[in-house]
Amino acid sequence: LGWPVPGWKGATPPDPCPVEGRYCRIELLRLDHAADLHDSYKADADDVVWDYLPYGPFDDLGGFERFLTQSCLGSDPLFYAIIDLTSGRAVGMASYLRIDPANGAIEVGHINYSPALQRTPAATEVMYLMMRQIFDDWGYRRYEWKCNDLNDRSKRAARRLGFTFEGVFRQAAVVKGRNRDTAWFSILDSEWPAARAAFENWLKAENFDADSQQRMSLVALRESAGT
């Protein structure tokens, strides 16, 4: 029947206040982020950042603004803009979705990093800030990551961040006229303390050289802690 969950009263619905780290800030997505985001995404000349998303690319700012207005300014999915603290510009988006406070489950998705954000310390810090919020502040039990099973880059990212692979939902959707098998990953509240420690050690200034290259990887830090 499953083990008891004594005292469980549900998680807190998201309170989308800004959260700032060392390298970036996440804040509720607004229409006035559109110009920065559109410029950031256009720096990806091949538009590959849109390959595994069910929308985009957007040739002009007006089309992108209409998309944000129609699809990204609600409460589920709950979209955040990712602000680079050095430039002060929005350089990516991510969201919470399938938000289920009663059962303590929530998903991260619609992750879209522009070239200015990819492979930077901020790119990892975003995921840490979002994870810290749902576990430490809002009391969720389960955090989900789902992606197209063909998206090897996303699957590698999930494992690097501490998510556990749970399986593939075959023929889960039709996206842009193509079949999508969906790979599922999760991290649980019981696994979060070890993951948090690895994130925090990885994000320390001394873990990066003068060129912002990591000295120890996030995976190595987690393995060195025996998790």
Protein backbone atom coordinates (compact mmCIF):
# COMPACT_ATOMS: atom_id res chain seq x y z
CA LEU A 1 0.00 0.00 0.00
CA GLY A 2 2.99 2.32 0.29
CA TRP A 3 4.69 3.75 3.33
CA PRO A 4 2.92 6.34 5.51
CA VAL A 5 3.74 10.03 5.00
CA PRO A 6 2.97 11.33 8.49
CA GLY A 7 1.84 14.91 8.78
CA TRP A 8 1.72 15.51 5.03
CA LYS A 9 -0.49 18.51 4.27
CA GLY A 10 0.72 19.24 0.78
CA ALA A 11 3.33 21.58 -0.64
CA THR A 12 3.00 25.33 -1.02
CA PRO A 13 1.80 26.71 -4.37
CA PRO A 14 4.65 28.57 -6.07
CA ASP A 15 5.35 32.10 -4.86
CA PRO A 16 7.21 33.53 -7.88
CA CYS A 17 9.43 36.04 -6.16
CA PRO A 18 12.84 36.86 -7.72
CA VAL A 19 15.73 34.67 -6.58
CA GLU A 20 19.31 35.83 -7.04
CA GLY A 21 22.50 33.80 -7.03
CA ARG A 22 26.15 34.64 -7.68
CA TYR A 23 25.86 34.63 -11.48
CA CYS A 24 22.18 35.06 -12.35
CA ARG A 25 18.72 35.97 -11.16
CA ILE A 26 15.46 34.26 -11.96
CA GLU A 27 12.34 36.42 -12.02
CA LEU A 28 8.78 36.04 -13.22
CA LEU A 29 8.69 36.34 -17.00
CA ARG A 30 7.23 39.62 -18.25
CA LEU A 31 6.52 40.92 -21.71
CA ASP A 32 9.28 43.51 -21.29
CA HIS A 33 11.81 40.66 -21.26
CA ALA A 34 10.87 39.84 -24.85
CA ALA A 35 13.35 42.10 -26.66
CA ASP A 36 16.35 40.84 -24.68
CA LEU A 37 15.29 37.23 -25.09
CA HIS A 38 14.60 37.54 -28.80
CA ASP A 39 18.01 39.14 -29.37
CA SER A 40 19.68 36.43 -27.26
CA TYR A 41 18.03 33.61 -29.18
CA LYS A 42 18.80 35.17 -32.57
CA ALA A 43 22.50 34.81 -31.70
CA ASP A 44 21.91 31.10 -32.34
CA ALA A 45 22.14 31.45 -36.13
CA ASP A 46 20.98 27.86 -36.75
CA ASP A 47 17.98 28.12 -34.38
CA VAL A 48 18.92 24.79 -32.80
CA VAL A 49 17.74 26.00 -29.37
CA TRP A 50 14.17 25.45 -30.63
CA ASP A 51 14.69 21.94 -32.04
CA TYR A 52 13.06 19.98 -29.21
CA LEU A 53 10.50 22.58 -28.14
CA PRO A 54 6.92 22.47 -29.45
CA TYR A 55 7.15 26.11 -30.65
CA GLY A 56 9.60 28.48 -32.31
CA PRO A 57 11.77 29.71 -33.83
CA PHE A 58 10.39 33.25 -34.10
CA ASP A 59 11.65 35.39 -36.96
CA ASP A 60 10.46 38.71 -35.59
CA LEU A 61 9.96 40.28 -32.17
CA GLY A 62 6.23 40.75 -32.70
CA GLY A 63 5.68 37.04 -33.22
CA PHE A 64 7.73 36.22 -30.15
CA GLU A 65 5.77 38.74 -28.06
CA ARG A 66 2.48 37.20 -29.21
CA PHE A 67 3.75 33.76 -28.23
CA LEU A 68 4.77 34.99 -24.76
CA THR A 69 1.42 36.70 -24.26
CA GLN A 70 -0.61 33.68 -25.32
CA SER A 71 1.43 30.89 -23.74
CA CYS A 72 3.94 32.03 -21.13
CA LEU A 73 2.36 34.55 -18.76
CA GLY A 74 0.03 32.23 -16.83
CA SER A 75 0.43 30.29 -13.60
CA ASP A 76 1.00 26.77 -15.01
CA PRO A 77 3.37 26.64 -16.73
CA LEU A 78 4.95 29.34 -14.58
CA PHE A 79 7.72 30.92 -16.64
CA TYR A 80 10.84 32.65 -15.36
CA ALA A 81 13.26 34.86 -17.23
CA ILE A 82 16.93 34.19 -16.51
CA ILE A 83 18.89 37.39 -15.99
CA ASP A 84 22.67 37.48 -16.38
CA LEU A 85 23.96 39.60 -13.50
CA THR A 86 26.96 40.89 -15.45
CA SER A 87 25.01 42.26 -18.40
CA GLY A 88 21.64 42.71 -16.71
CA ARG A 89 19.96 41.14 -19.75
CA ALA A 90 17.53 38.27 -20.05
CA VAL A 91 19.41 35.37 -21.65
CA GLY A 92 17.04 32.42 -21.25
CA MET A 93 13.76 31.03 -19.92
CA ALA A 94 12.64 28.10 -17.82
CA SER A 95 9.39 27.15 -16.15
CA TYR A 96 7.65 25.07 -13.55
CA LEU A 97 4.71 23.06 -14.87
CA ARG A 98 2.34 20.24 -13.95
CA ILE A 99 2.28 21.88 -10.54
CA ASP A 100 0.61 19.54 -8.02
CA PRO A 101 0.89 20.87 -4.44
CA ALA A 102 -1.50 18.22 -3.05
CA ASN A 103 0.89 15.42 -3.98
CA GLY A 104 4.08 17.48 -3.76
CA ALA A 105 5.07 16.95 -7.40
CA ILE A 106 6.28 19.60 -9.83
CA GLU A 107 8.14 19.56 -13.15
CA VAL A 108 10.81 21.78 -14.64
CA GLY A 109 10.50 22.38 -18.36
CA HIS A 110 10.48 24.76 -21.31
CA ILE A 111 14.19 25.25 -20.61
CA ASN A 112 15.67 27.40 -23.35
CA TYR A 113 19.20 28.75 -22.90
CA SER A 114 20.55 31.24 -25.43
CA PRO A 115 24.19 30.95 -26.54
CA ALA A 116 25.09 33.64 -23.98
CA LEU A 117 23.92 31.33 -21.17
CA GLN A 118 24.96 27.90 -22.45
CA ARG A 119 27.94 26.22 -20.76
CA THR A 120 28.36 28.99 -18.18
CA PRO A 121 28.28 28.75 -14.37
CA ALA A 122 24.96 30.62 -14.51
CA ALA A 123 23.43 27.83 -16.59
CA THR A 124 23.89 25.40 -13.70
CA GLU A 125 23.05 27.98 -11.05
CA VAL A 126 19.61 28.48 -12.60
CA MET A 127 18.78 24.84 -12.01
CA TYR A 128 20.12 25.01 -8.46
CA LEU A 129 18.02 28.08 -7.64
CA MET A 130 14.87 26.50 -9.04
CA MET A 131 15.50 23.22 -7.22
CA ARG A 132 16.27 24.97 -3.95
CA GLN A 133 13.02 26.88 -4.19
CA ILE A 134 10.80 23.87 -4.68
CA PHE A 135 12.40 21.73 -1.97
CA ASP A 136 13.52 24.21 0.70
CA ASP A 137 10.92 26.96 0.32
CA TRP A 138 7.80 25.24 -0.97
CA GLY A 139 8.17 21.71 0.43
CA TYR A 140 7.73 19.54 -2.68
CA ARG A 141 8.55 15.83 -2.55
CA ARG A 142 9.25 15.16 -6.23
CA TYR A 143 10.85 17.24 -9.00
CA GLU A 144 10.48 15.96 -12.55
CA TRP A 145 12.46 16.46 -15.75
CA LYS A 146 11.07 15.21 -19.05
CA CYS A 147 12.50 15.49 -22.54
CA ASN A 148 12.37 14.00 -26.02
CA ASP A 149 14.16 10.66 -25.84
CA LEU A 150 16.21 11.72 -28.89
CA ASN A 151 17.51 14.77 -27.03
CA ASP A 152 20.78 13.32 -25.74
CA ARG A 153 21.99 16.71 -24.57
CA SER A 154 18.97 17.15 -22.31
CA LYS A 155 19.29 13.62 -20.94
CA ARG A 156 22.97 14.19 -20.12
CA ALA A 157 22.07 17.45 -18.39
CA ALA A 158 19.42 15.73 -16.25
CA ARG A 159 21.87 13.09 -15.06
CA ARG A 160 24.58 15.68 -14.43
CA LEU A 161 22.18 17.70 -12.27
CA GLY A 162 21.35 14.68 -10.12
CA PHE A 163 18.09 13.44 -11.65
CA THR A 164 17.43 9.69 -11.87
CA PHE A 165 16.23 8.15 -15.12
CA GLU A 166 12.84 6.45 -14.70
CA GLY A 167 11.96 5.22 -18.19
CA VAL A 168 10.56 6.17 -21.57
CA PHE A 169 6.91 6.86 -22.38
CA ARG A 170 6.67 5.64 -25.97
CA GLN A 171 4.65 7.64 -28.51
CA ALA A 172 3.80 10.12 -25.80
CA ALA A 173 3.12 13.05 -28.13
CA VAL A 174 3.22 14.41 -31.65
CA VAL A 175 5.37 17.56 -31.76
CA LYS A 176 5.81 19.63 -34.91
CA GLY A 177 4.40 16.72 -36.89
CA ARG A 178 6.87 14.19 -35.49
CA ASN A 179 6.59 11.39 -32.96
CA ARG A 180 7.98 12.08 -29.50
CA ASP A 181 8.98 9.36 -27.06
CA THR A 182 9.43 11.06 -23.69
CA ALA A 183 12.23 10.22 -21.25
CA TRP A 184 11.32 10.75 -17.59
CA PHE A 185 13.71 11.72 -14.78
CA SER A 186 13.15 12.80 -11.18
CA ILE A 187 14.87 13.88 -8.00
CA LEU A 188 13.22 13.38 -4.60
CA ASP A 189 13.27 15.44 -1.44
CA SER A 190 15.31 12.70 0.28
CA GLU A 191 18.00 13.08 -2.42
CA TRP A 192 18.04 16.87 -2.35
CA PRO A 193 20.40 17.49 0.64
CA ALA A 194 23.28 15.64 -1.06
CA ALA A 195 22.52 17.28 -4.41
CA ARG A 196 22.36 20.71 -2.75
CA ALA A 197 25.77 20.23 -1.14
CA ALA A 198 27.29 19.27 -4.51
CA PHE A 199 25.72 22.29 -6.21
CA GLU A 200 26.94 24.66 -3.53
CA ASN A 201 30.48 23.33 -3.64
CA TRP A 202 30.51 23.49 -7.44
CA LEU A 203 29.27 27.07 -7.46
CA LYS A 204 31.96 28.36 -5.10
CA ALA A 205 34.21 30.97 -6.68
CA GLU A 206 37.31 28.88 -5.95
CA ASN A 207 35.97 26.07 -8.14
CA PHE A 208 36.59 28.21 -11.24
CA ASP A 209 39.82 29.45 -12.78
CA ALA A 210 40.44 32.87 -14.30
CA ASP A 211 38.70 31.75 -17.52
CA SER A 212 35.60 30.56 -15.61
CA GLN A 213 36.50 26.92 -16.28
CA GLN A 214 35.50 24.46 -13.56
CA ARG A 215 38.18 22.78 -11.46
CA MET A 216 35.92 19.93 -10.31
CA SER A 217 32.83 18.78 -12.13
CA LEU A 218 29.42 18.59 -10.50
CA VAL A 219 29.36 14.83 -11.06
CA ALA A 220 32.80 14.42 -9.45
CA LEU A 221 31.71 16.42 -6.42
CA ARG A 222 28.64 14.27 -6.02
CA GLU A 223 30.68 11.08 -6.42
CA SER A 224 33.28 12.25 -3.93
CA ALA A 225 30.49 12.63 -1.39
CA GLY A 226 29.36 9.07 -2.13
CA THR A 227 26.01 10.05 -3.63
